[in-house]
Amino acid sequence: MNSTGKYFASLLFDDGLPDVKPNLEGKAIGIDVGLTHFAVTSDGSKFDNPRHLKKHEKN
């Protein structure tokens, strides 16, 4: 409990999957997640936002 009387929890678990191997090729990209485009990579590739909610909304 903190000084304001609130409780906090932190959980850690093992998902059972093997550890991810590091990238040894020396190549890396950056990904910017946004609203206009779902993602834009550092090489300029753009991925449109799928807008799942908008597709299924009824008037």
PDB file of N, CA and C in Angstrom:
ATOM      1  N   MET A   1       0.859  -1.157   0.000  1.00  0.00           N
ATOM      2  CA  MET A   1       0.000   0.000   0.000  1.00  0.00           C
ATOM      3  C   MET A   1       0.911   1.229   0.000  1.00  0.00           C
ATOM      4  N   ASN A   2       0.528   2.243  -0.820  1.00  0.00           N
ATOM      5  CA  ASN A   2       1.332   3.461  -0.824  1.00  0.00           C
ATOM      6  C   ASN A   2       0.778   4.463   0.186  1.00  0.00           C
ATOM      7  N   SER A   3       1.353   5.659   0.201  1.00  0.00           N
ATOM      8  CA  SER A   3       0.977   6.651   1.214  1.00  0.00           C
ATOM      9  C   SER A   3      -0.461   7.158   1.066  1.00  0.00           C
ATOM     10  N   THR A   4      -1.068   6.958  -0.119  1.00  0.00           N
ATOM     11  CA  THR A   4      -2.459   7.393  -0.316  1.00  0.00           C
ATOM     12  C   THR A   4      -3.456   6.269  -0.064  1.00  0.00           C
ATOM     13  N   GLY A   5      -2.960   5.114   0.366  1.00  0.00           N
ATOM     14  CA  GLY A   5      -3.836   3.988   0.674  1.00  0.00           C
ATOM     15  C   GLY A   5      -4.197   3.123  -0.521  1.00  0.00           C
ATOM     16  N   LYS A   6      -3.542   3.341  -1.671  1.00  0.00           N
ATOM     17  CA  LYS A   6      -3.840   2.546  -2.866  1.00  0.00           C
ATOM     18  C   LYS A   6      -2.907   1.349  -2.952  1.00  0.00           C
ATOM     19  N   TYR A   7      -3.438   0.254  -3.484  1.00  0.00           N
ATOM     20  CA  TYR A   7      -2.653  -0.953  -3.698  1.00  0.00           C
ATOM     21  C   TYR A   7      -2.294  -1.070  -5.172  1.00  0.00           C
ATOM     22  N   PHE A   8      -1.151  -1.637  -5.456  1.00  0.00           N
ATOM     23  CA  PHE A   8      -0.714  -1.873  -6.820  1.00  0.00           C
ATOM     24  C   PHE A   8      -0.204  -3.297  -6.911  1.00  0.00           C
ATOM     25  N   ALA A   9      -0.342  -3.897  -8.091  1.00  0.00           N
ATOM     26  CA  ALA A   9       0.132  -5.264  -8.299  1.00  0.00           C
ATOM     27  C   ALA A   9       1.036  -5.293  -9.521  1.00  0.00           C
ATOM     28  N   SER A  10       2.027  -6.134  -9.482  1.00  0.00           N
ATOM     29  CA  SER A  10       2.914  -6.350 -10.606  1.00  0.00           C
ATOM     30  C   SER A  10       2.997  -7.854 -10.826  1.00  0.00           C
ATOM     31  N   LEU A  11       2.775  -8.295 -12.063  1.00  0.00           N
ATOM     32  CA  LEU A  11       2.781  -9.721 -12.370  1.00  0.00           C
ATOM     33  C   LEU A  11       3.899 -10.031 -13.350  1.00  0.00           C
ATOM     34  N   LEU A  12       4.533 -11.161 -13.170  1.00  0.00           N
ATOM     35  CA  LEU A  12       5.565 -11.641 -14.069  1.00  0.00           C
ATOM     36  C   LEU A  12       5.292 -13.110 -14.314  1.00  0.00           C
ATOM     37  N   PHE A  13       5.287 -13.520 -15.585  1.00  0.00           N
ATOM     38  CA  PHE A  13       5.037 -14.924 -15.870  1.00  0.00           C
ATOM     39  C   PHE A  13       5.889 -15.371 -17.044  1.00  0.00           C
ATOM     40  N   ASP A  14       6.068 -16.674 -17.151  1.00  0.00           N
ATOM     41  CA  ASP A  14       6.817 -17.278 -18.242  1.00  0.00           C
ATOM     42  C   ASP A  14       5.805 -17.808 -19.246  1.00  0.00           C
ATOM     43  N   ASP A  15       5.880 -17.354 -20.510  1.00  0.00           N
ATOM     44  CA  ASP A  15       4.911 -17.797 -21.512  1.00  0.00           C
ATOM     45  C   ASP A  15       5.271 -19.154 -22.113  1.00  0.00           C
ATOM     46  N   GLY A  16       6.410 -19.709 -21.741  1.00  0.00           N
ATOM     47  CA  GLY A  16       6.804 -21.020 -22.216  1.00  0.00           C
ATOM     48  C   GLY A  16       7.401 -21.020 -23.618  1.00  0.00           C
ATOM     49  N   LEU A  17       7.450 -19.868 -24.274  1.00  0.00           N
ATOM     50  CA  LEU A  17       8.014 -19.782 -25.617  1.00  0.00           C
ATOM     51  C   LEU A  17       9.524 -19.610 -25.533  1.00  0.00           C
ATOM     52  N   PRO A  18      10.247 -20.068 -26.555  1.00  0.00           N
ATOM     53  CA  PRO A  18      11.702 -19.881 -26.530  1.00  0.00           C
ATOM     54  C   PRO A  18      12.052 -18.398 -26.617  1.00  0.00           C
ATOM     55  N   ASP A  19      13.197 -18.041 -26.077  1.00  0.00           N
ATOM     56  CA  ASP A  19      13.647 -16.649 -26.118  1.00  0.00           C
ATOM     57  C   ASP A  19      13.859 -16.202 -27.561  1.00  0.00           C
ATOM     58  N   VAL A  20      13.600 -14.935 -27.834  1.00  0.00           N
ATOM     59  CA  VAL A  20      13.797 -14.372 -29.167  1.00  0.00           C
ATOM     60  C   VAL A  20      15.290 -14.212 -29.412  1.00  0.00           C
ATOM     61  N   LYS A  21      15.732 -14.653 -30.587  1.00  0.00           N
ATOM     62  CA  LYS A  21      17.149 -14.529 -30.924  1.00  0.00           C
ATOM     63  C   LYS A  21      17.427 -13.112 -31.413  1.00  0.00           C
ATOM     64  N   PRO A  22      18.551 -12.532 -31.026  1.00  0.00           N
ATOM     65  CA  PRO A  22      18.875 -11.170 -31.468  1.00  0.00           C
ATOM     66  C   PRO A  22      19.153 -11.128 -32.970  1.00  0.00           C
ATOM     67  N   ASN A  23      18.951  -9.972 -33.582  1.00  0.00           N
ATOM     68  CA  ASN A  23      19.214  -9.759 -34.999  1.00  0.00           C
ATOM     69  C   ASN A  23      20.722  -9.642 -35.183  1.00  0.00           C
ATOM     70  N   LEU A  24      21.311 -10.597 -35.882  1.00  0.00           N
ATOM     71  CA  LEU A  24      22.761 -10.595 -36.076  1.00  0.00           C
ATOM     72  C   LEU A  24      23.167 -10.062 -37.448  1.00  0.00           C
ATOM     73  N   GLU A  25      22.205  -9.631 -38.261  1.00  0.00           N
ATOM     74  CA  GLU A  25      22.501  -9.130 -39.600  1.00  0.00           C
ATOM     75  C   GLU A  25      22.940  -7.674 -39.595  1.00  0.00           C
ATOM     76  N   GLY A  26      22.761  -6.982 -38.477  1.00  0.00           N
ATOM     77  CA  GLY A  26      23.126  -5.580 -38.418  1.00  0.00           C
ATOM     78  C   GLY A  26      22.082  -4.660 -39.014  1.00  0.00           C
ATOM     79  N   LYS A  27      20.916  -5.207 -39.363  1.00  0.00           N
ATOM     80  CA  LYS A  27      19.840  -4.399 -39.937  1.00  0.00           C
ATOM     81  C   LYS A  27      18.786  -4.153 -38.873  1.00  0.00           C
ATOM     82  N   ALA A  28      18.273  -2.945 -38.853  1.00  0.00           N
ATOM     83  CA  ALA A  28      17.211  -2.607 -37.904  1.00  0.00           C
ATOM     84  C   ALA A  28      16.315  -1.558 -38.547  1.00  0.00           C
ATOM     85  N   ILE A  29      15.056  -1.523 -38.126  1.00  0.00           N
ATOM     86  CA  ILE A  29      14.139  -0.493 -38.607  1.00  0.00           C
ATOM     87  C   ILE A  29      13.429   0.119 -37.413  1.00  0.00           C
ATOM     88  N   GLY A  30      12.913   1.306 -37.617  1.00  0.00           N
ATOM     89  CA  GLY A  30      12.081   1.950 -36.610  1.00  0.00           C
ATOM     90  C   GLY A  30      10.643   1.918 -37.095  1.00  0.00           C
ATOM     91  N   ILE A  31       9.696   1.800 -36.184  1.00  0.00           N
ATOM     92  CA  ILE A  31       8.279   1.781 -36.535  1.00  0.00           C
ATOM     93  C   ILE A  31       7.563   2.840 -35.719  1.00  0.00           C
ATOM     94  N   ASP A  32       6.864   3.735 -36.423  1.00  0.00           N
ATOM     95  CA  ASP A  32       6.072   4.776 -35.780  1.00  0.00           C
ATOM     96  C   ASP A  32       4.608   4.395 -35.917  1.00  0.00           C
ATOM     97  N   VAL A  33       3.929   4.185 -34.806  1.00  0.00           N
ATOM     98  CA  VAL A  33       2.513   3.830 -34.818  1.00  0.00           C
ATOM     99  C   VAL A  33       1.710   5.112 -34.696  1.00  0.00           C
ATOM    100  N   GLY A  34       0.735   5.297 -35.587  1.00  0.00           N
ATOM    101  CA  GLY A  34      -0.023   6.539 -35.581  1.00  0.00           C
ATOM    102  C   GLY A  34      -1.500   6.328 -35.859  1.00  0.00           C
ATOM    103  N   LEU A  35      -2.211   7.436 -36.081  1.00  0.00           N
ATOM    104  CA  LEU A  35      -3.647   7.386 -36.340  1.00  0.00           C
ATOM    105  C   LEU A  35      -3.960   7.412 -37.832  1.00  0.00           C
ATOM    106  N   THR A  36      -3.283   8.280 -38.592  1.00  0.00           N
ATOM    107  CA  THR A  36      -3.531   8.361 -40.026  1.00  0.00           C
ATOM    108  C   THR A  36      -3.097   7.076 -40.710  1.00  0.00           C
ATOM    109  N   HIS A  37      -1.894   6.651 -40.407  1.00  0.00           N
ATOM    110  CA  HIS A  37      -1.384   5.365 -40.888  1.00  0.00           C
ATOM    111  C   HIS A  37      -1.168   4.491 -39.668  1.00  0.00           C
ATOM    112  N   PHE A  38      -1.520   3.216 -39.793  1.00  0.00           N
ATOM    113  CA  PHE A  38      -1.352   2.293 -38.678  1.00  0.00           C
ATOM    114  C   PHE A  38       0.112   2.246 -38.256  1.00  0.00           C
ATOM    115  N   ALA A  39       1.004   2.206 -39.250  1.00  0.00           N
ATOM    116  CA  ALA A  39       2.434   2.186 -38.958  1.00  0.00           C
ATOM    117  C   ALA A  39       3.203   2.763 -40.139  1.00  0.00           C
ATOM    118  N   VAL A  40       4.308   3.432 -39.838  1.00  0.00           N
ATOM    119  CA  VAL A  40       5.241   3.933 -40.843  1.00  0.00           C
ATOM    120  C   VAL A  40       6.623   3.481 -40.401  1.00  0.00           C
ATOM    121  N   THR A  41       7.334   2.813 -41.295  1.00  0.00           N
ATOM    122  CA  THR A  41       8.667   2.324 -40.944  1.00  0.00           C
ATOM    123  C   THR A  41       9.724   3.349 -41.333  1.00  0.00           C
ATOM    124  N   SER A  42      10.920   3.177 -40.806  1.00  0.00           N
ATOM    125  CA  SER A  42      11.999   4.129 -41.064  1.00  0.00           C
ATOM    126  C   SER A  42      12.444   4.119 -42.521  1.00  0.00           C
ATOM    127  N   ASP A  43      12.084   3.082 -43.288  1.00  0.00           N
ATOM    128  CA  ASP A  43      12.414   3.083 -44.715  1.00  0.00           C
ATOM    129  C   ASP A  43      11.302   3.710 -45.560  1.00  0.00           C
ATOM    130  N   GLY A  44      10.258   4.255 -44.903  1.00  0.00           N
ATOM    131  CA  GLY A  44       9.191   4.969 -45.598  1.00  0.00           C
ATOM    132  C   GLY A  44       7.962   4.142 -45.932  1.00  0.00           C
ATOM    133  N   SER A  45       7.972   2.852 -45.646  1.00  0.00           N
ATOM    134  CA  SER A  45       6.798   2.014 -45.911  1.00  0.00           C
ATOM    135  C   SER A  45       5.653   2.435 -45.001  1.00  0.00           C
ATOM    136  N   LYS A  46       4.449   2.551 -45.584  1.00  0.00           N
ATOM    137  CA  LYS A  46       3.275   2.955 -44.810  1.00  0.00           C
ATOM    138  C   LYS A  46       2.235   1.842 -44.826  1.00  0.00           C
ATOM    139  N   PHE A  47       1.625   1.605 -43.689  1.00  0.00           N
ATOM    140  CA  PHE A  47       0.584   0.595 -43.556  1.00  0.00           C
ATOM    141  C   PHE A  47      -0.683   1.292 -43.089  1.00  0.00           C
ATOM    142  N   ASP A  48      -1.758   1.142 -43.866  1.00  0.00           N
ATOM    143  CA  ASP A  48      -3.015   1.809 -43.537  1.00  0.00           C
ATOM    144  C   ASP A  48      -3.628   1.264 -42.262  1.00  0.00           C
ATOM    145  N   ASN A  49      -4.365   2.141 -41.591  1.00  0.00           N
ATOM    146  CA  ASN A  49      -5.085   1.757 -40.384  1.00  0.00           C
ATOM    147  C   ASN A  49      -6.272   0.892 -40.802  1.00  0.00           C
ATOM    148  N   PRO A  50      -6.415  -0.323 -40.264  1.00  0.00           N
ATOM    149  CA  PRO A  50      -7.498  -1.209 -40.704  1.00  0.00           C
ATOM    150  C   PRO A  50      -8.899  -0.713 -40.342  1.00  0.00           C
ATOM    151  N   ARG A  51      -9.027   0.151 -39.346  1.00  0.00           N
ATOM    152  CA  ARG A  51     -10.313   0.738 -38.953  1.00  0.00           C
ATOM    153  C   ARG A  51     -11.415  -0.314 -38.804  1.00  0.00           C
ATOM    154  N   HIS A  52     -11.156  -1.350 -38.019  1.00  0.00           N
ATOM    155  CA  HIS A  52     -12.129  -2.432 -37.814  1.00  0.00           C
ATOM    156  C   HIS A  52     -13.440  -1.920 -37.239  1.00  0.00           C
ATOM    157  N   LEU A  53     -13.386  -1.020 -36.291  1.00  0.00           N
ATOM    158  CA  LEU A  53     -14.609  -0.508 -35.677  1.00  0.00           C
ATOM    159  C   LEU A  53     -15.452   0.237 -36.706  1.00  0.00           C
ATOM    160  N   LYS A  54     -14.824   1.077 -37.517  1.00  0.00           N
ATOM    161  CA  LYS A  54     -15.539   1.871 -38.514  1.00  0.00           C
ATOM    162  C   LYS A  54     -16.281   0.966 -39.501  1.00  0.00           C
ATOM    163  N   LYS A  55     -15.680  -0.177 -39.881  1.00  0.00           N
ATOM    164  CA  LYS A  55     -16.302  -1.102 -40.827  1.00  0.00           C
ATOM    165  C   LYS A  55     -17.579  -1.719 -40.270  1.00  0.00           C
ATOM    166  N   HIS A  56     -17.628  -1.928 -38.962  1.00  0.00           N
ATOM    167  CA  HIS A  56     -18.741  -2.654 -38.353  1.00  0.00           C
ATOM    168  C   HIS A  56     -19.764  -1.767 -37.657  1.00  0.00           C
ATOM    169  N   GLU A  57     -19.559  -0.455 -37.703  1.00  0.00           N
ATOM    170  CA  GLU A  57     -20.522   0.455 -37.081  1.00  0.00           C
ATOM    171  C   GLU A  57     -21.810   0.490 -37.891  1.00  0.00           C
ATOM    172  N   LYS A  58     -22.923   0.600 -37.196  1.00  0.00           N
ATOM    173  CA  LYS A  58     -24.219   0.743 -37.860  1.00  0.00           C
ATOM    174  C   LYS A  58     -24.735   2.139 -37.569  1.00  0.00           C
ATOM    175  N   ASN A  59     -25.392   2.737 -38.542  1.00  0.00           N
ATOM    176  CA  ASN A  59     -25.937   4.093 -38.363  1.00  0.00           C
ATOM    177  C   ASN A  59     -27.183   4.074 -37.535  1.00  0.00           C
TER     178      ASN A  59
END
